[in-house]
Every structure is written in C-alpha cells, then in structure tokens.
Amino acid sequence: MDTVTSLDKFRVPIGNQEIELQQFVFEAGGMPLLRTRIRERSRFTIFDIDPATAARWGKVLCAWAATQPGGADADKEGE
C-alpha cells in the first residue's frame, strides 16, 4: 500500500483555500514525492513534485516572501 504522511495543513487568509502538504511514497518504490493538495470549496487540485522541483520552488517562495512586508515573520505564523 502507498504511504501518505501529512507534513502541514493550513488555510490561506485571502481566498480561504485549504492547503495540505504530504509526503507520498509508492509501495512499488521510487523516490518520495511532495503532494500538494489545494481545496477550494468542493474543488481539489492535487499535484506531486520531485525533491529537486520542491527545493527550487521552496527557494523562490522563501526569497519572494523575504522581500514582502511582514515576510520575515511568515514562517512563525503557523506555529
């Protein structure tokens, strides 16, 4: 059976979308993937990304947030 581990789940303050980040490991093997689930009311968008893509995406997200007002405190918001 494939293994899914929830890493984080939160709501976007503007738009109220629910975002869940999960680690997805196929029973058959292969690299673990980062599954991103975005829920808008009854609609779901789900996509899986590899570690290299996750690292690049995360780097750009962090760099952008750091340049925005309040961006330095954004990582403490979910704690």
C-alpha atoms as a PDB file:
ATOM      1  CA  MET A   1       0.000   0.000   0.000  1.00  0.00           C
ATOM      2  CA  ASP A   2       1.241   3.511  -0.796  1.00  0.00           C
ATOM      3  CA  THR A   3       2.166   5.623   2.240  1.00  0.00           C
ATOM      4  CA  VAL A   4       0.918   9.189   2.679  1.00  0.00           C
ATOM      5  CA  THR A   5       2.261  11.317   5.555  1.00  0.00           C
ATOM      6  CA  SER A   6       0.780  14.740   6.261  1.00  0.00           C
ATOM      7  CA  LEU A   7       3.517  17.381   6.679  1.00  0.00           C
ATOM      8  CA  ASP A   8       1.409  20.526   7.125  1.00  0.00           C
ATOM      9  CA  LYS A   9      -2.139  21.758   6.618  1.00  0.00           C
ATOM     10  CA  PHE A  10      -3.268  25.381   6.687  1.00  0.00           C
ATOM     11  CA  ARG A  11      -5.745  27.889   5.260  1.00  0.00           C
ATOM     12  CA  VAL A  12      -4.813  30.808   3.035  1.00  0.00           C
ATOM     13  CA  PRO A  13      -6.060  34.028   4.691  1.00  0.00           C
ATOM     14  CA  ILE A  14      -7.208  35.595   1.405  1.00  0.00           C
ATOM     15  CA  GLY A  15      -9.401  33.181  -0.535  1.00  0.00           C
ATOM     16  CA  ASN A  16      -9.715  30.657   2.327  1.00  0.00           C
ATOM     17  CA  GLN A  17      -8.202  27.788   0.300  1.00  0.00           C
ATOM     18  CA  GLU A  18      -7.059  24.823   2.367  1.00  0.00           C
ATOM     19  CA  ILE A  19      -3.548  23.639   1.526  1.00  0.00           C
ATOM     20  CA  GLU A  20      -2.137  20.320   2.668  1.00  0.00           C
ATOM     21  CA  LEU A  21       1.429  19.192   2.008  1.00  0.00           C
ATOM     22  CA  GLN A  22       2.047  15.448   2.170  1.00  0.00           C
ATOM     23  CA  GLN A  23       4.910  13.062   1.572  1.00  0.00           C
ATOM     24  CA  PHE A  24       3.771  10.365  -0.857  1.00  0.00           C
ATOM     25  CA  VAL A  25       5.712   7.105  -1.128  1.00  0.00           C
ATOM     26  CA  PHE A  26       4.687   4.473  -3.658  1.00  0.00           C
ATOM     27  CA  GLU A  27       4.626   0.901  -2.389  1.00  0.00           C
ATOM     28  CA  ALA A  28       6.393  -0.215  -5.570  1.00  0.00           C
ATOM     29  CA  GLY A  29       9.353   2.031  -4.742  1.00  0.00           C
ATOM     30  CA  GLY A  30      10.918   5.059  -6.327  1.00  0.00           C
ATOM     31  CA  MET A  31      11.565   8.482  -4.898  1.00  0.00           C
ATOM     32  CA  PRO A  32       9.201  10.021  -2.361  1.00  0.00           C
ATOM     33  CA  LEU A  33       7.141  12.882  -3.795  1.00  0.00           C
ATOM     34  CA  LEU A  34       5.729  16.029  -2.243  1.00  0.00           C
ATOM     35  CA  ARG A  35       1.988  16.009  -2.783  1.00  0.00           C
ATOM     36  CA  THR A  36       0.284  19.384  -2.706  1.00  0.00           C
ATOM     37  CA  ARG A  37      -3.492  19.376  -2.203  1.00  0.00           C
ATOM     38  CA  ILE A  38      -5.372  22.640  -2.617  1.00  0.00           C
ATOM     39  CA  ARG A  39      -9.054  22.662  -1.728  1.00  0.00           C
ATOM     40  CA  GLU A  40     -11.407  25.440  -2.804  1.00  0.00           C
ATOM     41  CA  ARG A  41     -14.864  24.613  -1.508  1.00  0.00           C
ATOM     42  CA  SER A  42     -15.654  21.260  -3.201  1.00  0.00           C
ATOM     43  CA  ARG A  43     -12.899  21.525  -5.850  1.00  0.00           C
ATOM     44  CA  PHE A  44      -9.487  19.901  -5.348  1.00  0.00           C
ATOM     45  CA  THR A  45      -6.217  20.488  -7.175  1.00  0.00           C
ATOM     46  CA  ILE A  46      -3.628  17.811  -6.464  1.00  0.00           C
ATOM     47  CA  PHE A  47      -0.133  17.526  -7.860  1.00  0.00           C
ATOM     48  CA  ASP A  48       3.045  15.645  -6.970  1.00  0.00           C
ATOM     49  CA  ILE A  49       6.545  17.064  -7.308  1.00  0.00           C
ATOM     50  CA  ASP A  50      10.016  15.568  -7.026  1.00  0.00           C
ATOM     51  CA  PRO A  51      12.622  16.707  -4.445  1.00  0.00           C
ATOM     52  CA  ALA A  52      14.590  18.887  -6.906  1.00  0.00           C
ATOM     53  CA  THR A  53      11.451  20.735  -8.004  1.00  0.00           C
ATOM     54  CA  ALA A  54      10.345  21.155  -4.368  1.00  0.00           C
ATOM     55  CA  ALA A  55      13.749  22.638  -3.472  1.00  0.00           C
ATOM     56  CA  ARG A  56      13.640  25.122  -6.347  1.00  0.00           C
ATOM     57  CA  TRP A  57      10.028  26.091  -5.664  1.00  0.00           C
ATOM     58  CA  GLY A  58      10.709  26.482  -1.937  1.00  0.00           C
ATOM     59  CA  LYS A  59      13.766  28.641  -2.576  1.00  0.00           C
ATOM     60  CA  VAL A  60      11.816  31.025  -4.799  1.00  0.00           C
ATOM     61  CA  LEU A  61       8.870  31.163  -2.368  1.00  0.00           C
ATOM     62  CA  CYS A  62      11.172  31.984   0.567  1.00  0.00           C
ATOM     63  CA  ALA A  63      13.110  34.604  -1.400  1.00  0.00           C
ATOM     64  CA  TRP A  64       9.904  36.302  -2.513  1.00  0.00           C
ATOM     65  CA  ALA A  65       8.360  36.247   0.991  1.00  0.00           C
ATOM     66  CA  ALA A  66      11.519  37.776   2.477  1.00  0.00           C
ATOM     67  CA  THR A  67      11.126  40.844   0.225  1.00  0.00           C
ATOM     68  CA  GLN A  68       7.486  41.456   1.191  1.00  0.00           C
ATOM     69  CA  PRO A  69       6.216  43.479   4.175  1.00  0.00           C
ATOM     70  CA  GLY A  70       5.789  41.043   7.056  1.00  0.00           C
ATOM     71  CA  GLY A  71       7.658  38.355   5.129  1.00  0.00           C
ATOM     72  CA  ALA A  72      10.270  37.823   7.827  1.00  0.00           C
ATOM     73  CA  ASP A  73       7.523  36.715  10.259  1.00  0.00           C
ATOM     74  CA  ALA A  74       5.697  34.481   7.773  1.00  0.00           C
ATOM     75  CA  ASP A  75       7.453  31.289   8.921  1.00  0.00           C
ATOM     76  CA  LYS A  76       6.251  31.831  12.515  1.00  0.00           C
ATOM     77  CA  GLU A  77       2.603  32.252  11.522  1.00  0.00           C
ATOM     78  CA  GLY A  78       1.765  28.543  11.562  1.00  0.00           C
ATOM     79  CA  GLU A  79       3.376  27.852  14.944  1.00  0.00           C
END
